Protein backbone atom coordinates (compact mmCIF):
# COMPACT_ATOMS: atom_id res chain seq x y z
CA MET A 1 178.25 24.85 60.05
CA LYS A 2 180.26 28.04 58.96
CA ASP A 3 178.76 31.72 60.22
CA LEU A 4 175.77 32.89 58.26
CA ASP A 5 175.45 36.31 56.84
CA ILE A 6 171.80 38.24 57.21
CA THR A 7 170.46 37.30 53.88
CA GLU A 8 171.25 33.55 54.79
CA VAL A 9 169.49 33.81 58.31
CA ALA A 10 166.41 35.59 56.72
CA ARG A 11 166.24 32.74 54.11
CA ARG A 12 166.69 29.78 56.25
CA SER A 13 164.45 31.30 59.10
CA GLY A 14 162.01 32.90 57.18
CA VAL A 15 162.43 36.27 59.51
CA PRO A 16 162.72 39.69 57.26
CA ALA A 17 166.19 41.19 57.47
CA SER A 18 164.48 44.36 58.74
CA THR A 19 163.11 42.19 61.69
CA LEU A 20 166.63 40.27 62.16
CA ARG A 21 168.14 43.86 62.73
CA PHE A 22 165.13 44.88 65.22
CA TYR A 23 165.49 41.73 67.33
CA GLU A 24 169.66 42.82 67.40
CA GLU A 25 168.83 46.33 68.33
CA LYS A 26 166.62 44.73 70.98
CA GLY A 27 168.95 42.43 72.34
CA LEU A 28 167.35 39.01 71.47
CA ILE A 29 170.11 37.86 68.78
CA ALA A 30 173.74 39.12 68.31
CA SER A 31 175.93 39.46 65.33
CA ILE A 32 179.51 38.36 65.29
CA GLY A 33 180.44 40.66 62.89
CA ARG A 34 180.28 41.71 59.15
CA ARG A 35 181.20 40.39 55.82
CA GLY A 36 181.36 43.58 53.97
CA LEU A 37 178.29 45.50 54.71
CA ARG A 38 176.35 42.56 55.85
CA ARG A 39 175.92 41.21 59.42
CA LEU A 40 177.36 37.74 60.24
CA PHE A 41 175.68 35.16 62.61
CA GLU A 42 176.60 32.03 64.53
CA PRO A 43 174.35 29.08 63.00
CA GLY A 44 172.62 28.75 66.53
CA VAL A 45 170.78 31.95 65.85
CA LEU A 46 168.39 29.69 63.75
CA GLU A 47 167.48 27.95 66.66
CA ARG A 48 167.19 31.21 69.04
CA LEU A 49 164.84 32.52 66.16
CA ALA A 50 162.90 29.48 66.29
CA LEU A 51 162.28 30.05 70.04
CA ILE A 52 161.38 33.60 69.48
CA ALA A 53 158.85 32.50 66.97
CA LEU A 54 157.40 30.10 69.34
CA GLY A 55 157.35 32.55 72.25
CA ARG A 56 155.44 34.96 69.55
CA ALA A 57 153.03 32.32 68.68
CA ALA A 58 152.21 31.67 72.29
CA GLY A 59 151.49 35.45 73.13
CA PHE A 60 154.64 36.70 74.62
CA SER A 61 156.06 40.38 74.15
CA LEU A 62 159.26 40.42 73.05
CA ASP A 63 160.46 41.82 76.22
CA GLU A 64 159.05 38.82 77.89
CA ILE A 65 160.95 36.76 75.37
CA ALA A 66 163.85 38.47 76.15
CA LEU A 67 163.76 37.40 79.98
CA MET A 68 163.78 33.97 78.61
CA PHE A 69 167.30 34.15 77.79
CA ALA A 70 170.66 34.19 79.90
CA PRO A 71 173.02 36.70 79.36
CA ASP A 72 175.56 34.27 77.63
CA GLY A 73 172.32 33.65 75.26
CA ARG A 74 171.23 30.19 76.62
CA PRO A 75 167.67 29.37 77.27
CA ARG A 76 166.35 30.44 80.63
CA ILE A 77 162.65 29.90 80.66
CA ASP A 78 160.75 30.64 83.84
CA ARG A 79 158.33 27.79 84.37
CA ARG A 80 155.91 30.04 86.41
CA MET A 81 155.83 32.40 83.37
CA LEU A 82 154.77 29.67 81.08
CA GLU A 83 152.17 28.48 83.63
CA ALA A 84 150.81 32.24 83.71
CA LYS A 85 150.59 32.34 79.95
CA ALA A 86 148.88 28.98 79.74
CA GLU A 87 146.36 30.22 82.16
CA GLU A 88 145.99 33.56 80.03
CA LEU A 89 145.40 31.12 77.17
CA ASP A 90 142.76 29.10 78.78
CA ARG A 91 140.92 32.11 79.72
CA LYS A 92 141.20 33.60 76.17
CA ILE A 93 139.94 30.09 74.83
CA ARG A 94 136.80 29.98 77.18
CA GLU A 95 136.00 33.59 76.05
CA LEU A 96 136.49 32.72 72.44
CA SER A 97 134.25 29.65 72.58
CA ALA A 98 131.63 31.24 74.20
CA MET A 99 131.63 34.16 71.49
CA ARG A 100 131.95 31.06 68.80
CA ASP A 101 128.78 29.63 70.51
CA GLY A 102 126.81 32.95 70.56
CA LEU A 103 127.80 33.52 66.70
CA ARG A 104 126.45 30.13 66.13
CA HIS A 105 123.58 30.42 67.90
CA ALA A 106 122.72 33.72 66.47
CA ALA A 107 123.37 32.41 63.03
CA ALA A 108 120.59 29.52 63.42
CA CYS A 109 118.15 31.23 65.68
CA PRO A 110 114.73 30.96 64.76
CA ALA A 111 113.41 33.98 66.19
CA PRO A 112 112.14 36.48 63.71
CA SER A 113 114.51 39.21 64.82
CA HIS A 114 117.83 38.54 66.62
CA MET A 115 116.72 41.35 69.07
CA GLU A 116 113.65 38.96 70.13
CA CYS A 117 116.21 36.14 70.78
CA PRO A 118 116.47 36.14 74.74
CA THR A 119 120.00 34.61 74.25
CA PHE A 120 121.26 37.00 71.61
CA ARG A 121 119.75 39.68 74.04
CA ARG A 122 121.81 38.36 77.14
CA ILE A 123 124.85 38.45 74.95
CA VAL A 124 124.20 42.13 73.92
CA ARG A 125 123.52 43.12 77.65
CA ALA A 126 126.83 41.28 78.69
CA ALA A 127 128.60 43.69 75.93
CA ALA A 128 126.71 46.63 76.82
CA SER A 129 127.59 46.15 80.60
CA GLY A 130 131.19 45.94 79.79
CA ALA A 131 131.57 42.20 80.85
CA MET A 132 133.37 41.21 77.90
CA SER A 133 135.76 44.33 77.58
CA ALA A 134 136.43 43.77 81.38
CA ARG A 135 137.49 40.12 80.94
CA ARG A 136 139.69 41.19 77.92
CA LYS A 137 141.25 44.37 80.05
CA ARG A 138 142.19 41.64 83.11
CA ALA A 139 143.70 39.21 80.77
CA SER A 140 145.88 41.83 79.40
CA HIS A 141 147.20 43.34 82.52
CA SER A 142 148.09 39.68 83.80
CA PHE A 143 151.87 40.50 83.04
CA GLU A 144 152.02 44.13 84.45
């Protein structure tokens, strides 16, 4: 496969040209030259962009994703980092599941008012005590 200009990379990857330029600025991808005013990329950039998209979908920051590539551009993925992210996702899933269950209960609760429902009041007290935001804060600091 021949080298791809930025327009072709954007078309094939679904990543806007502005984002490609940003990724290049951050060192996540590298152009190999220019054809006129357009940056040129090796075909392997498409796989790299797919790995970046996967990392973003999993919740990794661009800085964390950058650490997953060796200086020569090959993937160098730290398995401990993956395990830590999986644990973070498990915590988030538990929190979201509890929130979903609480919302479903509130939607179907037969109490005349939500404030008369012991379950809903327990959720409100937990939110007021900061229990929910403290959990969120702990999860967001797991990579600092």
